[in-house]
């Protein structure tokens, strides 16, 4: 589950944001191939979050865990102005704490995470890698210092949601202009 869809080369690669949590206690890579260009996928990533595009995942599961979201079915121009420092809410009620955008490389990467005492302690890295056949690999990498106890308990649920997120973005980017 910690490397679902990811190749050895992707797991071993260095991507934007890796330097922010250089020695994570947990390192997860998940990936899908999308039959679309990075420029077609990137707008879906930019509008991630509660009150915007949602998480493109399983709405029934989101509601079950107390995080009911509406997942966008189109690109919204009013949500395309994401900047470093912006907050990305995961749930409409403000729990858990919002992610903060750490880095943006247009059409290549969006990195967001949480800080403690001015240090990044966990990251969510969305990486777009164009392929020779015109498809794109969407890699979702998590680098975190948050492990054990509660984090071990929720780990399988996080996998389910992140898998749904990747597949949801793939479905939208491949089928919705």
Protein backbone atom coordinates (compact mmCIF):
# COMPACT_ATOMS: atom_id res chain seq x y z
CA UNK A 1 0.00 0.00 0.00
CA UNK A 2 2.94 2.39 0.54
CA UNK A 3 4.10 2.06 -3.06
CA UNK A 4 0.81 1.42 -4.86
CA UNK A 5 1.37 1.98 -8.58
CA UNK A 6 4.85 3.48 -8.13
CA UNK A 7 7.90 2.11 -9.91
CA UNK A 8 11.29 1.57 -8.28
CA UNK A 9 12.66 4.46 -10.37
CA UNK A 10 9.92 6.80 -9.11
CA UNK A 11 10.49 5.78 -5.51
CA UNK A 12 14.23 6.41 -5.85
CA UNK A 13 13.86 9.69 -7.77
CA UNK A 14 14.29 13.13 -6.25
CA UNK A 15 11.35 15.50 -6.65
CA UNK A 16 10.50 19.09 -5.68
CA UNK A 17 9.94 19.30 -1.93
CA UNK A 18 12.10 16.33 -0.93
CA UNK A 19 14.59 18.70 0.67
CA UNK A 20 11.94 20.07 3.07
CA UNK A 21 11.72 16.76 4.99
CA UNK A 22 15.10 15.22 4.10
CA UNK A 23 14.97 12.24 6.48
CA UNK A 24 11.31 11.26 6.89
CA UNK A 25 10.19 8.67 9.42
CA UNK A 26 7.67 7.47 6.81
CA UNK A 27 8.03 7.67 3.04
CA UNK A 28 5.11 6.72 0.78
CA UNK A 29 4.81 6.82 -3.02
CA UNK A 30 1.63 6.15 -4.98
CA UNK A 31 1.19 6.70 -8.69
CA UNK A 32 -1.04 6.38 -11.74
CA UNK A 33 -0.57 6.83 -15.46
CA UNK A 34 -2.97 9.38 -16.91
CA UNK A 35 -3.68 9.64 -20.63
CA UNK A 36 -3.36 13.42 -20.58
CA UNK A 37 -0.62 16.05 -20.55
CA UNK A 38 0.68 17.69 -17.37
CA UNK A 39 -1.06 20.90 -18.53
CA UNK A 40 -4.41 19.05 -18.56
CA UNK A 41 -3.86 17.52 -15.10
CA UNK A 42 -2.30 20.43 -13.23
CA UNK A 43 -5.51 22.54 -12.98
CA UNK A 44 -7.21 19.68 -11.12
CA UNK A 45 -4.38 19.70 -8.57
CA UNK A 46 -4.49 23.49 -8.16
CA UNK A 47 -8.14 23.38 -7.09
CA UNK A 48 -7.77 20.59 -4.49
CA UNK A 49 -9.39 21.16 -1.12
CA UNK A 50 -12.62 21.66 0.77
CA UNK A 51 -14.63 24.61 -0.50
CA UNK A 52 -13.00 24.21 -3.90
CA UNK A 53 -12.52 21.09 -6.02
CA UNK A 54 -12.67 18.61 -3.15
CA UNK A 55 -10.40 15.59 -3.08
CA UNK A 56 -11.92 13.71 -6.06
CA UNK A 57 -12.11 10.62 -3.88
CA UNK A 58 -14.87 8.48 -2.39
CA UNK A 59 -17.64 10.81 -1.19
CA UNK A 60 -19.33 8.08 0.87
CA UNK A 61 -16.08 7.38 2.74
CA UNK A 62 -15.43 11.12 3.17
CA UNK A 63 -18.89 11.53 4.72
CA UNK A 64 -18.39 8.46 6.92
CA UNK A 65 -15.28 10.00 8.49
CA UNK A 66 -17.06 13.34 9.06
CA UNK A 67 -15.54 15.13 6.09
CA UNK A 68 -18.33 15.54 3.53
CA UNK A 69 -16.93 17.08 0.36
CA UNK A 70 -18.31 18.07 -2.99
CA UNK A 71 -15.90 16.97 -5.69
CA UNK A 72 -15.69 19.21 -8.74
CA UNK A 73 -16.52 17.82 -12.14
CA UNK A 74 -14.90 20.63 -14.09
CA UNK A 75 -12.01 23.10 -13.93
CA UNK A 76 -13.05 26.30 -12.13
CA UNK A 77 -11.07 29.35 -13.24
CA UNK A 78 -11.81 31.09 -9.94
CA UNK A 79 -9.83 28.38 -8.12
CA UNK A 80 -6.73 28.49 -10.33
CA UNK A 81 -4.74 31.12 -8.40
CA UNK A 82 -2.94 28.88 -5.89
CA UNK A 83 0.15 30.47 -4.33
CA UNK A 84 2.91 29.45 -1.94
CA UNK A 85 1.64 30.09 1.59
CA UNK A 86 -2.02 29.42 0.71
CA UNK A 87 -3.96 27.04 2.93
CA UNK A 88 -5.60 23.96 1.47
CA UNK A 89 -8.42 22.70 3.69
CA UNK A 90 -9.06 18.96 3.77
CA UNK A 91 -12.50 19.09 5.41
CA UNK A 92 -15.19 21.77 5.38
CA UNK A 93 -15.15 21.97 9.19
CA UNK A 94 -11.46 22.91 9.36
CA UNK A 95 -10.31 19.60 10.85
CA UNK A 96 -7.69 18.31 10.36
CA UNK A 97 -5.47 21.39 10.13
CA UNK A 98 -5.13 22.80 6.63
CA UNK A 99 -2.11 22.01 4.52
CA UNK A 100 0.07 24.98 3.60
CA UNK A 101 1.43 25.25 0.08
CA UNK A 102 5.22 25.05 0.30
CA UNK A 103 6.26 24.94 -3.36
CA UNK A 104 4.69 25.27 -6.78
CA UNK A 105 6.34 24.35 -10.07
CA UNK A 106 3.62 25.00 -12.67
CA UNK A 107 2.59 21.89 -14.61
CA UNK A 108 5.21 19.87 -12.69
CA UNK A 109 4.64 19.87 -8.93
CA UNK A 110 2.58 21.14 -6.03
CA UNK A 111 4.01 20.54 -2.57
CA UNK A 112 2.01 21.18 0.59
CA UNK A 113 2.42 20.21 4.19
CA UNK A 114 2.47 21.08 7.86
CA UNK A 115 5.13 22.80 9.95
CA UNK A 116 6.00 22.64 13.63
CA UNK A 117 8.33 25.24 15.10
CA UNK A 118 9.19 26.52 11.63
CA UNK A 119 10.21 23.08 10.32
CA UNK A 120 8.26 21.03 7.79
CA UNK A 121 7.14 17.80 9.49
CA UNK A 122 5.03 16.33 6.74
CA UNK A 123 4.55 16.84 3.03
CA UNK A 124 2.09 15.89 0.34
CA UNK A 125 3.89 16.12 -3.01
CA UNK A 126 1.93 15.96 -6.26
CA UNK A 127 4.41 15.34 -9.08
CA UNK A 128 3.63 15.29 -12.81
CA UNK A 129 6.11 13.43 -15.01
CA UNK A 130 5.41 13.54 -18.77
CA UNK A 131 5.98 10.30 -20.68
CA UNK A 132 7.22 9.79 -24.25
CA UNK A 133 3.84 8.37 -25.33
CA UNK A 134 2.00 11.58 -24.34
CA UNK A 135 0.70 10.24 -21.03
CA UNK A 136 1.73 11.58 -17.62
CA UNK A 137 2.67 9.85 -14.42
CA UNK A 138 0.98 11.46 -11.41
CA UNK A 139 3.03 10.61 -8.33
CA UNK A 140 1.71 11.34 -4.87
CA UNK A 141 4.59 11.25 -2.41
CA UNK A 142 4.22 11.64 1.34
CA UNK A 143 7.25 12.42 3.51
CA UNK A 144 6.41 12.67 7.19
CA UNK A 145 7.78 12.60 10.68
CA UNK A 146 4.31 11.67 12.02
CA UNK A 147 4.35 7.93 12.76
CA UNK A 148 3.16 5.49 15.40
CA UNK A 149 -0.03 5.31 17.44
CA UNK A 150 -2.81 7.32 15.79
CA UNK A 151 -0.90 7.54 12.49
CA UNK A 152 -0.60 3.76 12.25
CA UNK A 153 -4.33 3.38 12.90
CA UNK A 154 -5.39 5.78 10.14
CA UNK A 155 -2.76 4.62 7.61
CA UNK A 156 -5.09 2.15 5.77
CA UNK A 157 -7.81 4.81 5.50
CA UNK A 158 -5.30 7.31 4.13
CA UNK A 159 -4.33 4.76 1.49
CA UNK A 160 -7.97 4.29 0.47
CA UNK A 161 -8.51 8.05 0.18
CA UNK A 162 -5.25 8.74 -1.68
CA UNK A 163 -5.92 5.89 -4.11
CA UNK A 164 -9.36 7.38 -4.72
CA UNK A 165 -7.84 10.84 -5.17
CA UNK A 166 -5.38 9.60 -7.81
CA UNK A 167 -8.05 7.65 -9.66
CA UNK A 168 -10.47 10.58 -9.40
CA UNK A 169 -7.96 12.97 -10.96
CA UNK A 170 -7.18 10.40 -13.66
CA UNK A 171 -10.86 10.01 -14.53
CA UNK A 172 -11.41 13.76 -14.71
CA UNK A 173 -8.27 14.60 -16.68
CA UNK A 174 -8.89 11.82 -19.20
CA UNK A 175 -12.59 12.45 -19.73
CA UNK A 176 -13.28 16.08 -19.00
CA UNK A 177 -11.77 18.78 -21.22
